[in-house]
Amino acid sequence: MQGIEFEEDKNFSGIKSKAIEPTVARQGFIMKLMVRIGFADNATANLVLLSFAALLFGTAIFLYAEILVEPEKDWSLDARAILEAHEYKR
């Protein structure tokens, strides 16, 4: 490609970049409490909290098992009612 010329800006020095500062997340209340209890490592504290949540979830499922499962029908009452109705017809 011949004959193509680009205009150059002598005053342009490029994109000025600052050093990127790492963002630091604030610790939440529960994590501060876990540190006070004695879990200095965040990973260990997270595992303890996750285990506690799983334990509570399992307990809730166990306690509400009757709600989640359809109860069996008591056929003895229906059989008794049929026999009584059959005897009543006689």
PDB file of N, CA and C in Angstrom:
ATOM      1  N   MET A   1       0.843  -1.161   0.000  1.00  0.00           N
ATOM      2  CA  MET A   1       0.000   0.000   0.000  1.00  0.00           C
ATOM      3  C   MET A   1       0.894   1.232   0.000  1.00  0.00           C
ATOM      4  N   GLN A   2       0.972   1.792  -1.082  1.00  0.00           N
ATOM      5  CA  GLN A   2       1.860   2.928  -1.209  1.00  0.00           C
ATOM      6  C   GLN A   2       1.060   4.227  -1.185  1.00  0.00           C
ATOM      7  N   GLY A   3       1.671   5.234  -0.706  1.00  0.00           N
ATOM      8  CA  GLY A   3       1.064   6.544  -0.722  1.00  0.00           C
ATOM      9  C   GLY A   3       0.133   6.820   0.448  1.00  0.00           C
ATOM     10  N   ILE A   4       0.092   5.957   1.427  1.00  0.00           N
ATOM     11  CA  ILE A   4      -0.768   6.205   2.593  1.00  0.00           C
ATOM     12  C   ILE A   4       0.100   6.786   3.688  1.00  0.00           C
ATOM     13  N   GLU A   5      -0.336   7.914   4.218  1.00  0.00           N
ATOM     14  CA  GLU A   5       0.391   8.546   5.309  1.00  0.00           C
ATOM     15  C   GLU A   5      -0.564   8.758   6.472  1.00  0.00           C
ATOM     16  N   PHE A   6      -0.046   8.582   7.660  1.00  0.00           N
ATOM     17  CA  PHE A   6      -0.849   8.786   8.868  1.00  0.00           C
ATOM     18  C   PHE A   6      -0.373  10.035   9.573  1.00  0.00           C
ATOM     19  N   GLU A   7      -1.331  10.735  10.138  1.00  0.00           N
ATOM     20  CA  GLU A   7      -1.011  11.949  10.861  1.00  0.00           C
ATOM     21  C   GLU A   7      -0.553  11.567  12.261  1.00  0.00           C
ATOM     22  N   GLU A   8       0.539  12.086  12.698  1.00  0.00           N
ATOM     23  CA  GLU A   8       1.066  11.760  14.015  1.00  0.00           C
ATOM     24  C   GLU A   8       0.933  12.976  14.922  1.00  0.00           C
ATOM     25  N   ASP A   9       0.479  12.697  16.123  1.00  0.00           N
ATOM     26  CA  ASP A   9       0.346  13.750  17.121  1.00  0.00           C
ATOM     27  C   ASP A   9       1.583  13.714  18.008  1.00  0.00           C
ATOM     28  N   LYS A  10       2.345  14.740  17.952  1.00  0.00           N
ATOM     29  CA  LYS A  10       3.588  14.777  18.713  1.00  0.00           C
ATOM     30  C   LYS A  10       3.353  14.991  20.207  1.00  0.00           C
ATOM     31  N   ASN A  11       2.208  15.580  20.568  1.00  0.00           N
ATOM     32  CA  ASN A  11       1.918  15.884  21.967  1.00  0.00           C
ATOM     33  C   ASN A  11       1.254  14.703  22.694  1.00  0.00           C
ATOM     34  N   PHE A  12       0.800  13.722  21.973  1.00  0.00           N
ATOM     35  CA  PHE A  12       0.106  12.591  22.586  1.00  0.00           C
ATOM     36  C   PHE A  12       1.134  11.666  23.237  1.00  0.00           C
ATOM     37  N   SER A  13       0.955  11.409  24.519  1.00  0.00           N
ATOM     38  CA  SER A  13       1.935  10.584  25.226  1.00  0.00           C
ATOM     39  C   SER A  13       1.376   9.202  25.564  1.00  0.00           C
ATOM     40  N   GLY A  14       0.224   8.883  25.077  1.00  0.00           N
ATOM     41  CA  GLY A  14      -0.365   7.562  25.350  1.00  0.00           C
ATOM     42  C   GLY A  14      -1.281   7.603  26.563  1.00  0.00           C
ATOM     43  N   ILE A  15      -1.821   6.467  26.880  1.00  0.00           N
ATOM     44  CA  ILE A  15      -2.730   6.379  28.025  1.00  0.00           C
ATOM     45  C   ILE A  15      -1.904   6.385  29.297  1.00  0.00           C
ATOM     46  N   LYS A  16      -2.246   7.308  30.160  1.00  0.00           N
ATOM     47  CA  LYS A  16      -1.537   7.376  31.426  1.00  0.00           C
ATOM     48  C   LYS A  16      -2.209   6.391  32.381  1.00  0.00           C
ATOM     49  N   SER A  17      -1.437   5.502  32.902  1.00  0.00           N
ATOM     50  CA  SER A  17      -2.020   4.495  33.790  1.00  0.00           C
ATOM     51  C   SER A  17      -1.431   4.627  35.184  1.00  0.00           C
ATOM     52  N   LYS A  18      -2.298   4.446  36.132  1.00  0.00           N
ATOM     53  CA  LYS A  18      -1.869   4.427  37.527  1.00  0.00           C
ATOM     54  C   LYS A  18      -1.621   2.980  37.917  1.00  0.00           C
ATOM     55  N   ALA A  19      -0.924   2.833  38.983  1.00  0.00           N
ATOM     56  CA  ALA A  19      -0.757   1.483  39.522  1.00  0.00           C
ATOM     57  C   ALA A  19      -2.115   1.046  40.082  1.00  0.00           C
ATOM     58  N   ILE A  20      -2.536  -0.127  39.719  1.00  0.00           N
ATOM     59  CA  ILE A  20      -3.841  -0.628  40.164  1.00  0.00           C
ATOM     60  C   ILE A  20      -3.743  -1.031  41.628  1.00  0.00           C
ATOM     61  N   GLU A  21      -4.621  -0.453  42.413  1.00  0.00           N
ATOM     62  CA  GLU A  21      -4.632  -0.767  43.839  1.00  0.00           C
ATOM     63  C   GLU A  21      -5.570  -1.943  44.079  1.00  0.00           C
ATOM     64  N   PRO A  22      -5.136  -2.921  44.826  1.00  0.00           N
ATOM     65  CA  PRO A  22      -6.016  -4.061  45.096  1.00  0.00           C
ATOM     66  C   PRO A  22      -7.158  -3.639  46.017  1.00  0.00           C
ATOM     67  N   THR A  23      -8.343  -4.165  45.728  1.00  0.00           N
ATOM     68  CA  THR A  23      -9.487  -3.855  46.582  1.00  0.00           C
ATOM     69  C   THR A  23      -9.501  -4.832  47.742  1.00  0.00           C
ATOM     70  N   VAL A  24      -9.785  -4.317  48.879  1.00  0.00           N
ATOM     71  CA  VAL A  24      -9.820  -5.131  50.084  1.00  0.00           C
ATOM     72  C   VAL A  24     -11.262  -5.182  50.567  1.00  0.00           C
ATOM     73  N   ALA A  25     -11.802  -6.397  50.688  1.00  0.00           N
ATOM     74  CA  ALA A  25     -13.176  -6.551  51.150  1.00  0.00           C
ATOM     75  C   ALA A  25     -13.225  -6.459  52.665  1.00  0.00           C
ATOM     76  N   ARG A  26     -14.277  -5.833  53.144  1.00  0.00           N
ATOM     77  CA  ARG A  26     -14.455  -5.743  54.591  1.00  0.00           C
ATOM     78  C   ARG A  26     -14.988  -7.063  55.105  1.00  0.00           C
ATOM     79  N   GLN A  27     -14.567  -7.436  56.278  1.00  0.00           N
ATOM     80  CA  GLN A  27     -15.075  -8.662  56.881  1.00  0.00           C
ATOM     81  C   GLN A  27     -16.461  -8.411  57.440  1.00  0.00           C
ATOM     82  N   GLY A  28     -17.329  -9.388  57.269  1.00  0.00           N
ATOM     83  CA  GLY A  28     -18.672  -9.289  57.809  1.00  0.00           C
ATOM     84  C   GLY A  28     -18.690  -9.612  59.291  1.00  0.00           C
ATOM     85  N   PHE A  29     -19.868  -9.452  59.882  1.00  0.00           N
ATOM     86  CA  PHE A  29     -20.030  -9.670  61.318  1.00  0.00           C
ATOM     87  C   PHE A  29     -19.731 -11.112  61.699  1.00  0.00           C
ATOM     88  N   ILE A  30     -20.246 -12.064  60.927  1.00  0.00           N
ATOM     89  CA  ILE A  30     -20.062 -13.473  61.247  1.00  0.00           C
ATOM     90  C   ILE A  30     -18.579 -13.850  61.154  1.00  0.00           C
ATOM     91  N   MET A  31     -17.893 -13.341  60.146  1.00  0.00           N
ATOM     92  CA  MET A  31     -16.474 -13.655  60.012  1.00  0.00           C
ATOM     93  C   MET A  31     -15.668 -13.041  61.162  1.00  0.00           C
ATOM     94  N   LYS A  32     -16.026 -11.844  61.598  1.00  0.00           N
ATOM     95  CA  LYS A  32     -15.355 -11.248  62.751  1.00  0.00           C
ATOM     96  C   LYS A  32     -15.593 -12.090  63.995  1.00  0.00           C
ATOM     97  N   LEU A  33     -16.809 -12.602  64.139  1.00  0.00           N
ATOM     98  CA  LEU A  33     -17.139 -13.459  65.268  1.00  0.00           C
ATOM     99  C   LEU A  33     -16.341 -14.758  65.218  1.00  0.00           C
ATOM    100  N   MET A  34     -16.185 -15.334  64.025  1.00  0.00           N
ATOM    101  CA  MET A  34     -15.407 -16.561  63.881  1.00  0.00           C
ATOM    102  C   MET A  34     -13.941 -16.323  64.227  1.00  0.00           C
ATOM    103  N   VAL A  35     -13.421 -15.158  63.890  1.00  0.00           N
ATOM    104  CA  VAL A  35     -12.035 -14.829  64.239  1.00  0.00           C
ATOM    105  C   VAL A  35     -11.897 -14.698  65.748  1.00  0.00           C
ATOM    106  N   ARG A  36     -12.900 -14.104  66.395  1.00  0.00           N
ATOM    107  CA  ARG A  36     -12.861 -13.978  67.860  1.00  0.00           C
ATOM    108  C   ARG A  36     -12.925 -15.338  68.536  1.00  0.00           C
ATOM    109  N   ILE A  37     -13.684 -16.264  67.944  1.00  0.00           N
ATOM    110  CA  ILE A  37     -13.792 -17.609  68.520  1.00  0.00           C
ATOM    111  C   ILE A  37     -12.454 -18.325  68.437  1.00  0.00           C
ATOM    112  N   GLY A  38     -11.723 -18.129  67.375  1.00  0.00           N
ATOM    113  CA  GLY A  38     -10.418 -18.757  67.285  1.00  0.00           C
ATOM    114  C   GLY A  38     -10.045 -19.267  65.914  1.00  0.00           C
ATOM    115  N   PHE A  39     -10.876 -19.057  64.909  1.00  0.00           N
ATOM    116  CA  PHE A  39     -10.549 -19.480  63.556  1.00  0.00           C
ATOM    117  C   PHE A  39      -9.836 -18.328  62.856  1.00  0.00           C
ATOM    118  N   ALA A  40      -8.531 -18.388  62.849  1.00  0.00           N
ATOM    119  CA  ALA A  40      -7.751 -17.295  62.258  1.00  0.00           C
ATOM    120  C   ALA A  40      -7.757 -17.363  60.733  1.00  0.00           C
ATOM    121  N   ASP A  41      -7.885 -18.567  60.191  1.00  0.00           N
ATOM    122  CA  ASP A  41      -7.867 -18.755  58.748  1.00  0.00           C
ATOM    123  C   ASP A  41      -9.285 -18.599  58.191  1.00  0.00           C
ATOM    124  N   ASN A  42      -9.455 -17.780  57.169  1.00  0.00           N
ATOM    125  CA  ASN A  42     -10.780 -17.558  56.589  1.00  0.00           C
ATOM    126  C   ASN A  42     -11.339 -18.809  55.940  1.00  0.00           C
ATOM    127  N   ALA A  43     -10.483 -19.611  55.331  1.00  0.00           N
ATOM    128  CA  ALA A  43     -10.958 -20.827  54.677  1.00  0.00           C
ATOM    129  C   ALA A  43     -11.549 -21.799  55.698  1.00  0.00           C
ATOM    130  N   THR A  44     -10.899 -21.937  56.837  1.00  0.00           N
ATOM    131  CA  THR A  44     -11.414 -22.819  57.885  1.00  0.00           C
ATOM    132  C   THR A  44     -12.733 -22.288  58.437  1.00  0.00           C
ATOM    133  N   ALA A  45     -12.805 -20.994  58.649  1.00  0.00           N
ATOM    134  CA  ALA A  45     -14.036 -20.389  59.152  1.00  0.00           C
ATOM    135  C   ALA A  45     -15.176 -20.579  58.151  1.00  0.00           C
ATOM    136  N   ASN A  46     -14.884 -20.446  56.859  1.00  0.00           N
ATOM    137  CA  ASN A  46     -15.915 -20.667  55.839  1.00  0.00           C
ATOM    138  C   ASN A  46     -16.402 -22.113  55.842  1.00  0.00           C
ATOM    139  N   LEU A  47     -15.489 -23.057  56.008  1.00  0.00           N
ATOM    140  CA  LEU A  47     -15.894 -24.468  56.063  1.00  0.00           C
ATOM    141  C   LEU A  47     -16.762 -24.762  57.283  1.00  0.00           C
ATOM    142  N   VAL A  48     -16.430 -24.162  58.405  1.00  0.00           N
ATOM    143  CA  VAL A  48     -17.238 -24.349  59.617  1.00  0.00           C
ATOM    144  C   VAL A  48     -18.639 -23.782  59.406  1.00  0.00           C
ATOM    145  N   LEU A  49     -18.728 -22.598  58.821  1.00  0.00           N
ATOM    146  CA  LEU A  49     -20.038 -21.993  58.574  1.00  0.00           C
ATOM    147  C   LEU A  49     -20.843 -22.797  57.558  1.00  0.00           C
ATOM    148  N   LEU A  50     -20.191 -23.312  56.537  1.00  0.00           N
ATOM    149  CA  LEU A  50     -20.876 -24.129  55.539  1.00  0.00           C
ATOM    150  C   LEU A  50     -21.376 -25.437  56.159  1.00  0.00           C
ATOM    151  N   SER A  51     -20.569 -26.037  57.010  1.00  0.00           N
ATOM    152  CA  SER A  51     -20.987 -27.267  57.699  1.00  0.00           C
ATOM    153  C   SER A  51     -22.175 -27.000  58.612  1.00  0.00           C
ATOM    154  N   PHE A  52     -22.152 -25.883  59.305  1.00  0.00           N
ATOM    155  CA  PHE A  52     -23.262 -25.516  60.187  1.00  0.00           C
ATOM    156  C   PHE A  52     -24.550 -25.303  59.388  1.00  0.00           C
ATOM    157  N   ALA A  53     -24.437 -24.657  58.252  1.00  0.00           N
ATOM    158  CA  ALA A  53     -25.609 -24.432  57.402  1.00  0.00           C
ATOM    159  C   ALA A  53     -26.153 -25.759  56.870  1.00  0.00           C
ATOM    160  N   ALA A  54     -25.268 -26.679  56.478  1.00  0.00           N
ATOM    161  CA  ALA A  54     -25.699 -27.986  55.985  1.00  0.00           C
ATOM    162  C   ALA A  54     -26.376 -28.778  57.099  1.00  0.00           C
ATOM    163  N   LEU A  55     -25.867 -28.677  58.318  1.00  0.00           N
ATOM    164  CA  LEU A  55     -26.481 -29.355  59.456  1.00  0.00           C
ATOM    165  C   LEU A  55     -27.884 -28.812  59.725  1.00  0.00           C
ATOM    166  N   LEU A  56     -28.041 -27.500  59.683  1.00  0.00           N
ATOM    167  CA  LEU A  56     -29.364 -26.904  59.890  1.00  0.00           C
ATOM    168  C   LEU A  56     -30.334 -27.296  58.776  1.00  0.00           C
ATOM    169  N   PHE A  57     -29.856 -27.335  57.541  1.00  0.00           N
ATOM    170  CA  PHE A  57     -30.702 -27.732  56.417  1.00  0.00           C
ATOM    171  C   PHE A  57     -31.145 -29.183  56.565  1.00  0.00           C
ATOM    172  N   GLY A  58     -30.224 -30.061  56.936  1.00  0.00           N
ATOM    173  CA  GLY A  58     -30.561 -31.469  57.142  1.00  0.00           C
ATOM    174  C   GLY A  58     -31.559 -31.657  58.269  1.00  0.00           C
ATOM    175  N   THR A  59     -31.410 -30.894  59.340  1.00  0.00           N
ATOM    176  CA  THR A  59     -32.349 -30.963  60.458  1.00  0.00           C
ATOM    177  C   THR A  59     -33.738 -30.495  60.031  1.00  0.00           C
ATOM    178  N   ALA A  60     -33.803 -29.444  59.242  1.00  0.00           N
ATOM    179  CA  ALA A  60     -35.099 -28.948  58.770  1.00  0.00           C
ATOM    180  C   ALA A  60     -35.782 -29.981  57.877  1.00  0.00           C
ATOM    181  N   ILE A  61     -35.029 -30.628  57.010  1.00  0.00           N
ATOM    182  CA  ILE A  61     -35.608 -31.665  56.148  1.00  0.00           C
ATOM    183  C   ILE A  61     -36.116 -32.824  56.998  1.00  0.00           C
ATOM    184  N   PHE A  62     -35.355 -33.208  58.015  1.00  0.00           N
ATOM    185  CA  PHE A  62     -35.766 -34.303  58.899  1.00  0.00           C
ATOM    186  C   PHE A  62     -37.038 -33.950  59.659  1.00  0.00           C
ATOM    187  N   LEU A  63     -37.121 -32.712  60.161  1.00  0.00           N
ATOM    188  CA  LEU A  63     -38.291 -32.313  60.950  1.00  0.00           C
ATOM    189  C   LEU A  63     -39.546 -32.181  60.096  1.00  0.00           C
ATOM    190  N   TYR A  64     -39.400 -31.759  58.859  1.00  0.00           N
ATOM    191  CA  TYR A  64     -40.549 -31.561  57.989  1.00  0.00           C
ATOM    192  C   TYR A  64     -40.754 -32.711  57.011  1.00  0.00           C
ATOM    193  N   ALA A  65     -40.253 -33.886  57.340  1.00  0.00           N
ATOM    194  CA  ALA A  65     -40.365 -35.038  56.442  1.00  0.00           C
ATOM    195  C   ALA A  65     -41.821 -35.433  56.227  1.00  0.00           C
ATOM    196  N   GLU A  66     -42.649 -35.291  57.246  1.00  0.00           N
ATOM    197  CA  GLU A  66     -44.064 -35.648  57.099  1.00  0.00           C
ATOM    198  C   GLU A  66     -44.775 -34.725  56.121  1.00  0.00           C
ATOM    199  N   ILE A  67     -44.353 -33.491  56.050  1.00  0.00           N
ATOM    200  CA  ILE A  67     -44.974 -32.549  55.122  1.00  0.00           C
ATOM    201  C   ILE A  67     -44.546 -32.851  53.692  1.00  0.00           C
ATOM    202  N   LEU A  68     -43.300 -33.276  53.521  1.00  0.00           N
ATOM    203  CA  LEU A  68     -42.772 -33.509  52.182  1.00  0.00           C
ATOM    204  C   LEU A  68     -43.255 -34.815  51.567  1.00  0.00           C
ATOM    205  N   VAL A  69     -43.654 -35.782  52.409  1.00  0.00           N
ATOM    206  CA  VAL A  69     -44.091 -37.083  51.923  1.00  0.00           C
ATOM    207  C   VAL A  69     -45.600 -37.181  52.117  1.00  0.00           C
ATOM    208  N   GLU A  70     -46.285 -37.672  51.090  1.00  0.00           N
ATOM    209  CA  GLU A  70     -47.738 -37.824  51.192  1.00  0.00           C
ATOM    210  C   GLU A  70     -48.059 -38.945  52.173  1.00  0.00           C
ATOM    211  N   PRO A  71     -48.894 -38.680  53.178  1.00  0.00           N
ATOM    212  CA  PRO A  71     -49.205 -39.725  54.158  1.00  0.00           C
ATOM    213  C   PRO A  71     -50.000 -40.871  53.526  1.00  0.00           C
ATOM    214  N   GLU A  72     -49.794 -42.065  54.067  1.00  0.00           N
ATOM    215  CA  GLU A  72     -50.516 -43.221  53.556  1.00  0.00           C
ATOM    216  C   GLU A  72     -51.964 -43.160  54.012  1.00  0.00           C
ATOM    217  N   LYS A  73     -52.851 -43.637  53.156  1.00  0.00           N
ATOM    218  CA  LYS A  73     -54.265 -43.612  53.473  1.00  0.00           C
ATOM    219  C   LYS A  73     -54.601 -44.790  54.375  1.00  0.00           C
ATOM    220  N   ASP A  74     -55.440 -44.537  55.372  1.00  0.00           N
ATOM    221  CA  ASP A  74     -55.864 -45.593  56.282  1.00  0.00           C
ATOM    222  C   ASP A  74     -57.065 -46.306  55.668  1.00  0.00           C
ATOM    223  N   TRP A  75     -56.813 -47.470  55.097  1.00  0.00           N
ATOM    224  CA  TRP A  75     -57.870 -48.207  54.408  1.00  0.00           C
ATOM    225  C   TRP A  75     -58.806 -48.910  55.382  1.00  0.00           C
ATOM    226  N   SER A  76     -58.426 -49.052  56.619  1.00  0.00           N
ATOM    227  CA  SER A  76     -59.272 -49.773  57.564  1.00  0.00           C
ATOM    228  C   SER A  76     -60.590 -49.046  57.799  1.00  0.00           C
ATOM    229  N   LEU A  77     -60.565 -47.734  57.813  1.00  0.00           N
ATOM    230  CA  LEU A  77     -61.808 -46.980  58.015  1.00  0.00           C
ATOM    231  C   LEU A  77     -62.747 -47.154  56.820  1.00  0.00           C
ATOM    232  N   ASP A  78     -62.206 -47.151  55.621  1.00  0.00           N
ATOM    233  CA  ASP A  78     -63.036 -47.335  54.436  1.00  0.00           C
ATOM    234  C   ASP A  78     -63.630 -48.736  54.394  1.00  0.00           C
ATOM    235  N   ALA A  79     -62.844 -49.738  54.744  1.00  0.00           N
ATOM    236  CA  ALA A  79     -63.353 -51.110  54.751  1.00  0.00           C
ATOM    237  C   ALA A  79     -64.466 -51.257  55.790  1.00  0.00           C
ATOM    238  N   ARG A  80     -64.285 -50.655  56.957  1.00  0.00           N
ATOM    239  CA  ARG A  80     -65.320 -50.701  57.994  1.00  0.00           C
ATOM    240  C   ARG A  80     -66.601 -50.019  57.516  1.00  0.00           C
ATOM    241  N   ALA A  81     -66.462 -48.894  56.845  1.00  0.00           N
ATOM    242  CA  ALA A  81     -67.630 -48.172  56.356  1.00  0.00           C
ATOM    243  C   ALA A  81     -68.364 -48.986  55.296  1.00  0.00           C
ATOM    244  N   ILE A  82     -67.628 -49.678  54.437  1.00  0.00           N
ATOM    245  CA  ILE A  82     -68.258 -50.510  53.406  1.00  0.00           C
ATOM    246  C   ILE A  82     -69.009 -51.662  54.047  1.00  0.00           C
ATOM    247  N   LEU A  83     -68.397 -52.313  55.055  1.00  0.00           N
ATOM    248  CA  LEU A  83     -69.080 -53.413  55.730  1.00  0.00           C
ATOM    249  C   LEU A  83     -70.325 -52.932  56.445  1.00  0.00           C
ATOM    250  N   GLU A  84     -70.257 -51.779  57.103  1.00  0.00           N
ATOM    251  CA  GLU A  84     -71.431 -51.258  57.788  1.00  0.00           C
ATOM    252  C   GLU A  84     -72.535 -50.897  56.800  1.00  0.00           C
ATOM    253  N   ALA A  85     -72.180 -50.331  55.678  1.00  0.00           N
ATOM    254  CA  ALA A  85     -73.179 -49.989  54.671  1.00  0.00           C
ATOM    255  C   ALA A  85     -73.784 -51.253  54.078  1.00  0.00           C
ATOM    256  N   HIS A  86     -72.985 -52.289  53.890  1.00  0.00           N
ATOM    257  CA  HIS A  86     -73.485 -53.553  53.346  1.00  0.00           C
ATOM    258  C   HIS A  86     -74.450 -54.196  54.338  1.00  0.00           C
ATOM    259  N   GLU A  87     -74.139 -54.160  55.623  1.00  0.00           N
ATOM    260  CA  GLU A  87     -75.033 -54.731  56.649  1.00  0.00           C
ATOM    261  C   GLU A  87     -76.282 -53.882  56.787  1.00  0.00           C
ATOM    262  N   TYR A  88     -76.195 -52.594  56.577  1.00  0.00           N
ATOM    263  CA  TYR A  88     -77.351 -51.708  56.723  1.00  0.00           C
ATOM    264  C   TYR A  88     -78.381 -51.968  55.618  1.00  0.00           C
ATOM    265  N   LYS A  89     -77.875 -52.373  54.434  1.00  0.00           N
ATOM    266  CA  LYS A  89     -78.774 -52.643  53.320  1.00  0.00           C
ATOM    267  C   LYS A  89     -79.611 -53.902  53.588  1.00  0.00           C
ATOM    268  N   ARG A  90     -79.143 -54.822  54.378  1.00  0.00           N
ATOM    269  CA  ARG A  90     -79.868 -56.062  54.644  1.00  0.00           C
ATOM    270  C   ARG A  90     -81.031 -55.834  55.497  1.00  0.00           C
TER     271      ARG A  90
END
